[in-house]
Amino acid sequence: MTPARDPLFEVGPRLAIGALLQGARWADFATVRDTVGAGDSVISKHTRTLEEAGYLEVRKGAVGRRARTWFRLTDAGREALTAHLAWLTSLTMWAPP
């Protein structure tokens, strides 16, 4: 895996969403919102961007009478996140002369 900067993970809470979902099979909307510490509209906007990029799979359904939304990273999303994290790590190894 080659470290690679991904601008999609540099805006808003997308890196936090990716990091959370990296270790989960599926996470529901409320868990993502509460863990990231952002409002509903912010989570909706950023998860939509990740979904449109092919990084996130969204599943909608119901539990009882309540509508629910679940998220998980796609393989492409997992690869992009891993490469971006490796790129961030490589920055810490750089030392000025």
PDB file of N, CA and C in Angstrom:
ATOM      1  N   MET A   1       0.836  -1.165   0.000  1.00  0.00           N
ATOM      2  CA  MET A   1       0.000   0.000   0.000  1.00  0.00           C
ATOM      3  C   MET A   1       0.891   1.242   0.000  1.00  0.00           C
ATOM      4  N   THR A   2       0.606   2.120  -0.924  1.00  0.00           N
ATOM      5  CA  THR A   2       1.369   3.348  -1.060  1.00  0.00           C
ATOM      6  C   THR A   2       0.655   4.468  -0.327  1.00  0.00           C
ATOM      7  N   PRO A   3       1.373   5.205   0.524  1.00  0.00           N
ATOM      8  CA  PRO A   3       0.729   6.354   1.171  1.00  0.00           C
ATOM      9  C   PRO A   3       0.217   7.332   0.115  1.00  0.00           C
ATOM     10  N   ALA A   4      -0.988   7.819   0.301  1.00  0.00           N
ATOM     11  CA  ALA A   4      -1.574   8.742  -0.672  1.00  0.00           C
ATOM     12  C   ALA A   4      -2.532   9.698   0.030  1.00  0.00           C
ATOM     13  N   ARG A   5      -2.307  10.974  -0.178  1.00  0.00           N
ATOM     14  CA  ARG A   5      -3.193  12.001   0.359  1.00  0.00           C
ATOM     15  C   ARG A   5      -4.544  11.899  -0.344  1.00  0.00           C
ATOM     16  N   ASP A   6      -5.608  11.981   0.439  1.00  0.00           N
ATOM     17  CA  ASP A   6      -6.950  11.966  -0.124  1.00  0.00           C
ATOM     18  C   ASP A   6      -7.713  13.170   0.413  1.00  0.00           C
ATOM     19  N   PRO A   7      -7.930  14.180  -0.421  1.00  0.00           N
ATOM     20  CA  PRO A   7      -8.609  15.394   0.034  1.00  0.00           C
ATOM     21  C   PRO A   7      -9.993  15.155   0.631  1.00  0.00           C
ATOM     22  N   LEU A   8     -10.645  14.067   0.267  1.00  0.00           N
ATOM     23  CA  LEU A   8     -11.967  13.792   0.846  1.00  0.00           C
ATOM     24  C   LEU A   8     -11.894  13.579   2.355  1.00  0.00           C
ATOM     25  N   PHE A   9     -10.769  13.094   2.847  1.00  0.00           N
ATOM     26  CA  PHE A   9     -10.630  12.862   4.284  1.00  0.00           C
ATOM     27  C   PHE A   9     -10.043  14.067   5.014  1.00  0.00           C
ATOM     28  N   GLU A  10      -9.899  15.187   4.315  1.00  0.00           N
ATOM     29  CA  GLU A  10      -9.337  16.383   4.947  1.00  0.00           C
ATOM     30  C   GLU A  10     -10.385  17.445   5.252  1.00  0.00           C
ATOM     31  N   VAL A  11     -11.631  17.180   4.965  1.00  0.00           N
ATOM     32  CA  VAL A  11     -12.684  18.168   5.135  1.00  0.00           C
ATOM     33  C   VAL A  11     -13.663  17.689   6.197  1.00  0.00           C
ATOM     34  N   GLY A  12     -13.974  18.584   7.122  1.00  0.00           N
ATOM     35  CA  GLY A  12     -14.985  18.274   8.120  1.00  0.00           C
ATOM     36  C   GLY A  12     -14.681  17.010   8.896  1.00  0.00           C
ATOM     37  N   PRO A  13     -15.711  16.328   9.335  1.00  0.00           N
ATOM     38  CA  PRO A  13     -15.515  15.144  10.165  1.00  0.00           C
ATOM     39  C   PRO A  13     -15.339  13.848   9.367  1.00  0.00           C
ATOM     40  N   ARG A  14     -15.011  13.933   8.092  1.00  0.00           N
ATOM     41  CA  ARG A  14     -14.929  12.706   7.280  1.00  0.00           C
ATOM     42  C   ARG A  14     -13.850  11.746   7.759  1.00  0.00           C
ATOM     43  N   LEU A  15     -12.726  12.279   8.217  1.00  0.00           N
ATOM     44  CA  LEU A  15     -11.664  11.402   8.727  1.00  0.00           C
ATOM     45  C   LEU A  15     -12.158  10.668   9.971  1.00  0.00           C
ATOM     46  N   ALA A  16     -12.858  11.367  10.850  1.00  0.00           N
ATOM     47  CA  ALA A  16     -13.401  10.738  12.054  1.00  0.00           C
ATOM     48  C   ALA A  16     -14.443   9.675  11.693  1.00  0.00           C
ATOM     49  N   ILE A  17     -15.287   9.964  10.717  1.00  0.00           N
ATOM     50  CA  ILE A  17     -16.286   8.984  10.277  1.00  0.00           C
ATOM     51  C   ILE A  17     -15.570   7.750   9.726  1.00  0.00           C
ATOM     52  N   GLY A  18     -14.570   7.964   8.877  1.00  0.00           N
ATOM     53  CA  GLY A  18     -13.815   6.842   8.322  1.00  0.00           C
ATOM     54  C   GLY A  18     -13.122   6.035   9.398  1.00  0.00           C
ATOM     55  N   ALA A  19     -12.497   6.720  10.340  1.00  0.00           N
ATOM     56  CA  ALA A  19     -11.791   6.020  11.421  1.00  0.00           C
ATOM     57  C   ALA A  19     -12.752   5.186  12.257  1.00  0.00           C
ATOM     58  N   LEU A  20     -13.918   5.742  12.543  1.00  0.00           N
ATOM     59  CA  LEU A  20     -14.926   5.007  13.303  1.00  0.00           C
ATOM     60  C   LEU A  20     -15.386   3.764  12.547  1.00  0.00           C
ATOM     61  N   LEU A  21     -15.675   3.942  11.266  1.00  0.00           N
ATOM     62  CA  LEU A  21     -16.214   2.833  10.477  1.00  0.00           C
ATOM     63  C   LEU A  21     -15.154   1.810  10.105  1.00  0.00           C
ATOM     64  N   GLN A  22     -13.892   2.178  10.207  1.00  0.00           N
ATOM     65  CA  GLN A  22     -12.806   1.246   9.888  1.00  0.00           C
ATOM     66  C   GLN A  22     -12.875   0.002  10.772  1.00  0.00           C
ATOM     67  N   GLY A  23     -13.304   0.175  11.993  1.00  0.00           N
ATOM     68  CA  GLY A  23     -13.349  -0.949  12.920  1.00  0.00           C
ATOM     69  C   GLY A  23     -14.737  -1.528  13.124  1.00  0.00           C
ATOM     70  N   ALA A  24     -15.678  -1.176  12.261  1.00  0.00           N
ATOM     71  CA  ALA A  24     -17.057  -1.629  12.451  1.00  0.00           C
ATOM     72  C   ALA A  24     -17.579  -2.315  11.195  1.00  0.00           C
ATOM     73  N   ARG A  25     -18.423  -3.311  11.400  1.00  0.00           N
ATOM     74  CA  ARG A  25     -19.102  -3.903  10.246  1.00  0.00           C
ATOM     75  C   ARG A  25     -20.122  -2.901   9.720  1.00  0.00           C
ATOM     76  N   TRP A  26     -20.997  -2.464  10.596  1.00  0.00           N
ATOM     77  CA  TRP A  26     -21.997  -1.436  10.297  1.00  0.00           C
ATOM     78  C   TRP A  26     -22.116  -0.570  11.542  1.00  0.00           C
ATOM     79  N   ALA A  27     -22.394   0.706  11.355  1.00  0.00           N
ATOM     80  CA  ALA A  27     -22.666   1.601  12.482  1.00  0.00           C
ATOM     81  C   ALA A  27     -23.907   2.414  12.137  1.00  0.00           C
ATOM     82  N   ASP A  28     -24.783   2.562  13.116  1.00  0.00           N
ATOM     83  CA  ASP A  28     -25.996   3.321  12.846  1.00  0.00           C
ATOM     84  C   ASP A  28     -25.725   4.830  12.927  1.00  0.00           C
ATOM     85  N   PHE A  29     -26.634   5.583  12.340  1.00  0.00           N
ATOM     86  CA  PHE A  29     -26.488   7.031  12.235  1.00  0.00           C
ATOM     87  C   PHE A  29     -26.232   7.661  13.603  1.00  0.00           C
ATOM     88  N   ALA A  30     -27.015   7.287  14.601  1.00  0.00           N
ATOM     89  CA  ALA A  30     -26.888   7.896  15.926  1.00  0.00           C
ATOM     90  C   ALA A  30     -25.511   7.636  16.532  1.00  0.00           C
ATOM     91  N   THR A  31     -24.979   6.438  16.343  1.00  0.00           N
ATOM     92  CA  THR A  31     -23.653   6.123  16.864  1.00  0.00           C
ATOM     93  C   THR A  31     -22.596   6.983  16.189  1.00  0.00           C
ATOM     94  N   VAL A  32     -22.689   7.116  14.871  1.00  0.00           N
ATOM     95  CA  VAL A  32     -21.733   7.950  14.142  1.00  0.00           C
ATOM     96  C   VAL A  32     -21.853   9.392  14.607  1.00  0.00           C
ATOM     97  N   ARG A  33     -23.059   9.911  14.672  1.00  0.00           N
ATOM     98  CA  ARG A  33     -23.289  11.297  15.099  1.00  0.00           C
ATOM     99  C   ARG A  33     -22.740  11.556  16.494  1.00  0.00           C
ATOM    100  N   ASP A  34     -23.060  10.676  17.437  1.00  0.00           N
ATOM    101  CA  ASP A  34     -22.649  10.882  18.820  1.00  0.00           C
ATOM    102  C   ASP A  34     -21.144  10.715  19.002  1.00  0.00           C
ATOM    103  N   THR A  35     -20.553   9.759  18.299  1.00  0.00           N
ATOM    104  CA  THR A  35     -19.115   9.529  18.426  1.00  0.00           C
ATOM    105  C   THR A  35     -18.319  10.660  17.796  1.00  0.00           C
ATOM    106  N   VAL A  36     -18.744  11.124  16.641  1.00  0.00           N
ATOM    107  CA  VAL A  36     -18.050  12.209  15.948  1.00  0.00           C
ATOM    108  C   VAL A  36     -18.329  13.548  16.633  1.00  0.00           C
ATOM    109  N   GLY A  37     -19.475  13.668  17.274  1.00  0.00           N
ATOM    110  CA  GLY A  37     -19.813  14.902  17.975  1.00  0.00           C
ATOM    111  C   GLY A  37     -20.272  16.010  17.051  1.00  0.00           C
ATOM    112  N   ALA A  38     -21.017  15.640  16.030  1.00  0.00           N
ATOM    113  CA  ALA A  38     -21.527  16.617  15.071  1.00  0.00           C
ATOM    114  C   ALA A  38     -23.040  16.470  14.975  1.00  0.00           C
ATOM    115  N   GLY A  39     -23.684  17.483  14.428  1.00  0.00           N
ATOM    116  CA  GLY A  39     -25.132  17.468  14.287  1.00  0.00           C
ATOM    117  C   GLY A  39     -25.591  16.580  13.147  1.00  0.00           C
ATOM    118  N   ASP A  40     -26.881  16.310  13.139  1.00  0.00           N
ATOM    119  CA  ASP A  40     -27.472  15.457  12.111  1.00  0.00           C
ATOM    120  C   ASP A  40     -27.172  15.943  10.700  1.00  0.00           C
ATOM    121  N   SER A  41     -27.343  17.244  10.452  1.00  0.00           N
ATOM    122  CA  SER A  41     -27.145  17.758   9.096  1.00  0.00           C
ATOM    123  C   SER A  41     -25.692  17.650   8.658  1.00  0.00           C
ATOM    124  N   VAL A  42     -24.762  17.820   9.584  1.00  0.00           N
ATOM    125  CA  VAL A  42     -23.332  17.699   9.258  1.00  0.00           C
ATOM    126  C   VAL A  42     -23.011  16.255   8.896  1.00  0.00           C
ATOM    127  N   ILE A  43     -23.495  15.318   9.689  1.00  0.00           N
ATOM    128  CA  ILE A  43     -23.247  13.899   9.404  1.00  0.00           C
ATOM    129  C   ILE A  43     -23.887  13.525   8.069  1.00  0.00           C
ATOM    130  N   SER A  44     -25.102  13.979   7.824  1.00  0.00           N
ATOM    131  CA  SER A  44     -25.775  13.674   6.558  1.00  0.00           C
ATOM    132  C   SER A  44     -24.977  14.188   5.371  1.00  0.00           C
ATOM    133  N   LYS A  45     -24.518  15.411   5.453  1.00  0.00           N
ATOM    134  CA  LYS A  45     -23.767  16.008   4.346  1.00  0.00           C
ATOM    135  C   LYS A  45     -22.477  15.242   4.061  1.00  0.00           C
ATOM    136  N   HIS A  46     -21.706  14.949   5.107  1.00  0.00           N
ATOM    137  CA  HIS A  46     -20.406  14.312   4.903  1.00  0.00           C
ATOM    138  C   HIS A  46     -20.523  12.833   4.537  1.00  0.00           C
ATOM    139  N   THR A  47     -21.517  12.148   5.075  1.00  0.00           N
ATOM    140  CA  THR A  47     -21.699  10.749   4.669  1.00  0.00           C
ATOM    141  C   THR A  47     -22.183  10.675   3.229  1.00  0.00           C
ATOM    142  N   ARG A  48     -22.987  11.637   2.794  1.00  0.00           N
ATOM    143  CA  ARG A  48     -23.431  11.665   1.393  1.00  0.00           C
ATOM    144  C   ARG A  48     -22.231  11.859   0.464  1.00  0.00           C
ATOM    145  N   THR A  49     -21.317  12.755   0.838  1.00  0.00           N
ATOM    146  CA  THR A  49     -20.108  12.980   0.029  1.00  0.00           C
ATOM    147  C   THR A  49     -19.281  11.705  -0.067  1.00  0.00           C
ATOM    148  N   LEU A  50     -19.101  11.015   1.056  1.00  0.00           N
ATOM    149  CA  LEU A  50     -18.334   9.759   1.041  1.00  0.00           C
ATOM    150  C   LEU A  50     -19.052   8.680   0.233  1.00  0.00           C
ATOM    151  N   GLU A  51     -20.367   8.648   0.322  1.00  0.00           N
ATOM    152  CA  GLU A  51     -21.143   7.680  -0.461  1.00  0.00           C
ATOM    153  C   GLU A  51     -21.003   7.963  -1.952  1.00  0.00           C
ATOM    154  N   GLU A  52     -21.105   9.222  -2.351  1.00  0.00           N
ATOM    155  CA  GLU A  52     -20.987   9.583  -3.764  1.00  0.00           C
ATOM    156  C   GLU A  52     -19.596   9.270  -4.319  1.00  0.00           C
ATOM    157  N   ALA A  53     -18.589   9.289  -3.457  1.00  0.00           N
ATOM    158  CA  ALA A  53     -17.225   8.956  -3.873  1.00  0.00           C
ATOM    159  C   ALA A  53     -17.010   7.443  -3.951  1.00  0.00           C
ATOM    160  N   GLY A  54     -17.997   6.672  -3.493  1.00  0.00           N
ATOM    161  CA  GLY A  54     -17.861   5.220  -3.499  1.00  0.00           C
ATOM    162  C   GLY A  54     -17.136   4.679  -2.280  1.00  0.00           C
ATOM    163  N   TYR A  55     -16.968   5.519  -1.259  1.00  0.00           N
ATOM    164  CA  TYR A  55     -16.239   5.124  -0.047  1.00  0.00           C
ATOM    165  C   TYR A  55     -17.149   4.583   1.044  1.00  0.00           C
ATOM    166  N   LEU A  56     -18.444   4.819   0.930  1.00  0.00           N
ATOM    167  CA  LEU A  56     -19.371   4.481   1.994  1.00  0.00           C
ATOM    168  C   LEU A  56     -20.585   3.788   1.407  1.00  0.00           C
ATOM    169  N   GLU A  57     -21.029   2.746   2.082  1.00  0.00           N
ATOM    170  CA  GLU A  57     -22.288   2.088   1.730  1.00  0.00           C
ATOM    171  C   GLU A  57     -23.318   2.484   2.767  1.00  0.00           C
ATOM    172  N   VAL A  58     -24.493   2.819   2.309  1.00  0.00           N
ATOM    173  CA  VAL A  58     -25.573   3.262   3.196  1.00  0.00           C
ATOM    174  C   VAL A  58     -26.726   2.279   3.076  1.00  0.00           C
ATOM    175  N   ARG A  59     -27.231   1.874   4.204  1.00  0.00           N
ATOM    176  CA  ARG A  59     -28.388   0.973   4.233  1.00  0.00           C
ATOM    177  C   ARG A  59     -29.472   1.623   5.075  1.00  0.00           C
ATOM    178  N   LYS A  60     -30.673   1.645   4.558  1.00  0.00           N
ATOM    179  CA  LYS A  60     -31.801   2.230   5.283  1.00  0.00           C
ATOM    180  C   LYS A  60     -32.815   1.140   5.569  1.00  0.00           C
ATOM    181  N   GLY A  61     -33.430   1.249   6.711  1.00  0.00           N
ATOM    182  CA  GLY A  61     -34.429   0.275   7.104  1.00  0.00           C
ATOM    183  C   GLY A  61     -35.201   0.803   8.293  1.00  0.00           C
ATOM    184  N   ALA A  62     -35.818  -0.098   9.005  1.00  0.00           N
ATOM    185  CA  ALA A  62     -36.597   0.299  10.174  1.00  0.00           C
ATOM    186  C   ALA A  62     -36.374  -0.701  11.288  1.00  0.00           C
ATOM    187  N   VAL A  63     -36.439  -0.179  12.490  1.00  0.00           N
ATOM    188  CA  VAL A  63     -36.445  -1.016  13.686  1.00  0.00           C
ATOM    189  C   VAL A  63     -37.743  -0.661  14.388  1.00  0.00           C
ATOM    190  N   GLY A  64     -38.655  -1.607  14.372  1.00  0.00           N
ATOM    191  CA  GLY A  64     -40.001  -1.287  14.841  1.00  0.00           C
ATOM    192  C   GLY A  64     -40.615  -0.267  13.890  1.00  0.00           C
ATOM    193  N   ARG A  65     -41.080   0.834  14.433  1.00  0.00           N
ATOM    194  CA  ARG A  65     -41.680   1.885  13.608  1.00  0.00           C
ATOM    195  C   ARG A  65     -40.694   3.000  13.288  1.00  0.00           C
ATOM    196  N   ARG A  66     -39.488   2.867  13.773  1.00  0.00           N
ATOM    197  CA  ARG A  66     -38.512   3.944  13.604  1.00  0.00           C
ATOM    198  C   ARG A  66     -37.581   3.668  12.419  1.00  0.00           C
ATOM    199  N   ALA A  67     -37.459   4.672  11.573  1.00  0.00           N
ATOM    200  CA  ALA A  67     -36.535   4.570  10.441  1.00  0.00           C
ATOM    201  C   ALA A  67     -35.104   4.602  10.974  1.00  0.00           C
ATOM    202  N   ARG A  68     -34.232   3.826  10.362  1.00  0.00           N
ATOM    203  CA  ARG A  68     -32.831   3.771  10.767  1.00  0.00           C
ATOM    204  C   ARG A  68     -31.954   3.812   9.528  1.00  0.00           C
ATOM    205  N   THR A  69     -30.747   4.353   9.708  1.00  0.00           N
ATOM    206  CA  THR A  69     -29.737   4.399   8.655  1.00  0.00           C
ATOM    207  C   THR A  69     -28.451   3.820   9.225  1.00  0.00           C
ATOM    208  N   TRP A  70     -27.819   2.939   8.448  1.00  0.00           N
ATOM    209  CA  TRP A  70     -26.549   2.339   8.850  1.00  0.00           C
ATOM    210  C   TRP A  70     -25.496   2.626   7.783  1.00  0.00           C
ATOM    211  N   PHE A  71     -24.261   2.698   8.217  1.00  0.00           N
ATOM    212  CA  PHE A  71     -23.140   2.971   7.318  1.00  0.00           C
ATOM    213  C   PHE A  71     -22.056   1.921   7.492  1.00  0.00           C
ATOM    214  N   ARG A  72     -21.307   1.699   6.397  1.00  0.00           N
ATOM    215  CA  ARG A  72     -20.068   0.942   6.485  1.00  0.00           C
ATOM    216  C   ARG A  72     -19.166   1.392   5.341  1.00  0.00           C
ATOM    217  N   LEU A  73     -17.861   1.244   5.551  1.00  0.00           N
ATOM    218  CA  LEU A  73     -16.908   1.573   4.500  1.00  0.00           C
ATOM    219  C   LEU A  73     -16.951   0.516   3.418  1.00  0.00           C
ATOM    220  N   THR A  74     -16.828   0.935   2.186  1.00  0.00           N
ATOM    221  CA  THR A  74     -16.664  -0.014   1.083  1.00  0.00           C
ATOM    222  C   THR A  74     -15.193  -0.429   1.052  1.00  0.00           C
ATOM    223  N   ASP A  75     -14.858  -1.407   0.242  1.00  0.00           N
ATOM    224  CA  ASP A  75     -13.450  -1.783   0.093  1.00  0.00           C
ATOM    225  C   ASP A  75     -12.632  -0.600  -0.414  1.00  0.00           C
ATOM    226  N   ALA A  76     -13.192   0.155  -1.361  1.00  0.00           N
ATOM    227  CA  ALA A  76     -12.485   1.333  -1.893  1.00  0.00           C
ATOM    228  C   ALA A  76     -12.295   2.382  -0.801  1.00  0.00           C
ATOM    229  N   GLY A  77     -13.293   2.559   0.037  1.00  0.00           N
ATOM    230  CA  GLY A  77     -13.192   3.513   1.135  1.00  0.00           C
ATOM    231  C   GLY A  77     -12.153   3.101   2.154  1.00  0.00           C
ATOM    232  N   ARG A  78     -12.123   1.810   2.451  1.00  0.00           N
ATOM    233  CA  ARG A  78     -11.137   1.290   3.408  1.00  0.00           C
ATOM    234  C   ARG A  78      -9.719   1.474   2.862  1.00  0.00           C
ATOM    235  N   GLU A  79      -9.533   1.188   1.578  1.00  0.00           N
ATOM    236  CA  GLU A  79      -8.213   1.356   0.957  1.00  0.00           C
ATOM    237  C   GLU A  79      -7.794   2.824   0.937  1.00  0.00           C
ATOM    238  N   ALA A  80      -8.726   3.712   0.594  1.00  0.00           N
ATOM    239  CA  ALA A  80      -8.417   5.140   0.545  1.00  0.00           C
ATOM    240  C   ALA A  80      -8.082   5.676   1.935  1.00  0.00           C
ATOM    241  N   LEU A  81      -8.832   5.239   2.937  1.00  0.00           N
ATOM    242  CA  LEU A  81      -8.567   5.683   4.306  1.00  0.00           C
ATOM    243  C   LEU A  81      -7.213   5.178   4.783  1.00  0.00           C
ATOM    244  N   THR A  82      -6.913   3.917   4.526  1.00  0.00           N
ATOM    245  CA  THR A  82      -5.628   3.345   4.937  1.00  0.00           C
ATOM    246  C   THR A  82      -4.470   4.087   4.272  1.00  0.00           C
ATOM    247  N   ALA A  83      -4.597   4.391   2.988  1.00  0.00           N
ATOM    248  CA  ALA A  83      -3.549   5.121   2.275  1.00  0.00           C
ATOM    249  C   ALA A  83      -3.409   6.541   2.813  1.00  0.00           C
ATOM    250  N   HIS A  84      -4.537   7.175   3.137  1.00  0.00           N
ATOM    251  CA  HIS A  84      -4.489   8.539   3.675  1.00  0.00           C
ATOM    252  C   HIS A  84      -3.840   8.551   5.057  1.00  0.00           C
ATOM    253  N   LEU A  85      -4.181   7.582   5.889  1.00  0.00           N
ATOM    254  CA  LEU A  85      -3.562   7.507   7.222  1.00  0.00           C
ATOM    255  C   LEU A  85      -2.065   7.238   7.115  1.00  0.00           C
ATOM    256  N   ALA A  86      -1.667   6.409   6.165  1.00  0.00           N
ATOM    257  CA  ALA A  86      -0.237   6.159   5.943  1.00  0.00           C
ATOM    258  C   ALA A  86       0.457   7.440   5.488  1.00  0.00           C
ATOM    259  N   TRP A  87      -0.223   8.217   4.644  1.00  0.00           N
ATOM    260  CA  TRP A  87       0.339   9.495   4.189  1.00  0.00           C
ATOM    261  C   TRP A  87       0.512  10.448   5.365  1.00  0.00           C
ATOM    262  N   LEU A  88      -0.503  10.529   6.234  1.00  0.00           N
ATOM    263  CA  LEU A  88      -0.399  11.375   7.424  1.00  0.00           C
ATOM    264  C   LEU A  88       0.756  10.931   8.320  1.00  0.00           C
ATOM    265  N   THR A  89       0.907   9.631   8.492  1.00  0.00           N
ATOM    266  CA  THR A  89       1.995   9.104   9.296  1.00  0.00           C
ATOM    267  C   THR A  89       3.340   9.454   8.687  1.00  0.00           C
ATOM    268  N   SER A  90       3.432   9.394   7.378  1.00  0.00           N
ATOM    269  CA  SER A  90       4.712   9.718   6.717  1.00  0.00           C
ATOM    270  C   SER A  90       5.092  11.178   6.949  1.00  0.00           C
ATOM    271  N   LEU A  91       4.124  12.039   7.144  1.00  0.00           N
ATOM    272  CA  LEU A  91       4.421  13.459   7.405  1.00  0.00           C
ATOM    273  C   LEU A  91       5.139  13.646   8.743  1.00  0.00           C
ATOM    274  N   THR A  92       4.808  12.805   9.705  1.00  0.00           N
ATOM    275  CA  THR A  92       5.441  12.937  11.018  1.00  0.00           C
ATOM    276  C   THR A  92       6.884  12.481  10.997  1.00  0.00           C
ATOM    277  N   MET A  93       7.262  11.721   9.987  1.00  0.00           N
ATOM    278  CA  MET A  93       8.639  11.234   9.884  1.00  0.00           C
ATOM    279  C   MET A  93       9.544  12.257   9.217  1.00  0.00           C
ATOM    280  N   TRP A  94       8.947  13.276   8.612  1.00  0.00           N
ATOM    281  CA  TRP A  94       9.737  14.294   7.944  1.00  0.00           C
ATOM    282  C   TRP A  94      10.332  15.217   8.986  1.00  0.00           C
ATOM    283  N   ALA A  95      11.615  15.479   8.854  1.00  0.00           N
ATOM    284  CA  ALA A  95      12.279  16.397   9.772  1.00  0.00           C
ATOM    285  C   ALA A  95      13.020  17.453   8.958  1.00  0.00           C
ATOM    286  N   PRO A  96      12.865  18.715   9.325  1.00  0.00           N
ATOM    287  CA  PRO A  96      13.567  19.752   8.569  1.00  0.00           C
ATOM    288  C   PRO A  96      15.076  19.620   8.741  1.00  0.00           C
ATOM    289  N   PRO A  97      15.841  20.062   7.718  1.00  0.00           N
ATOM    290  CA  PRO A  97      17.304  19.951   7.803  1.00  0.00           C
ATOM    291  C   PRO A  97      17.882  20.857   8.873  1.00  0.00           C
TER     292      PRO A  97
END
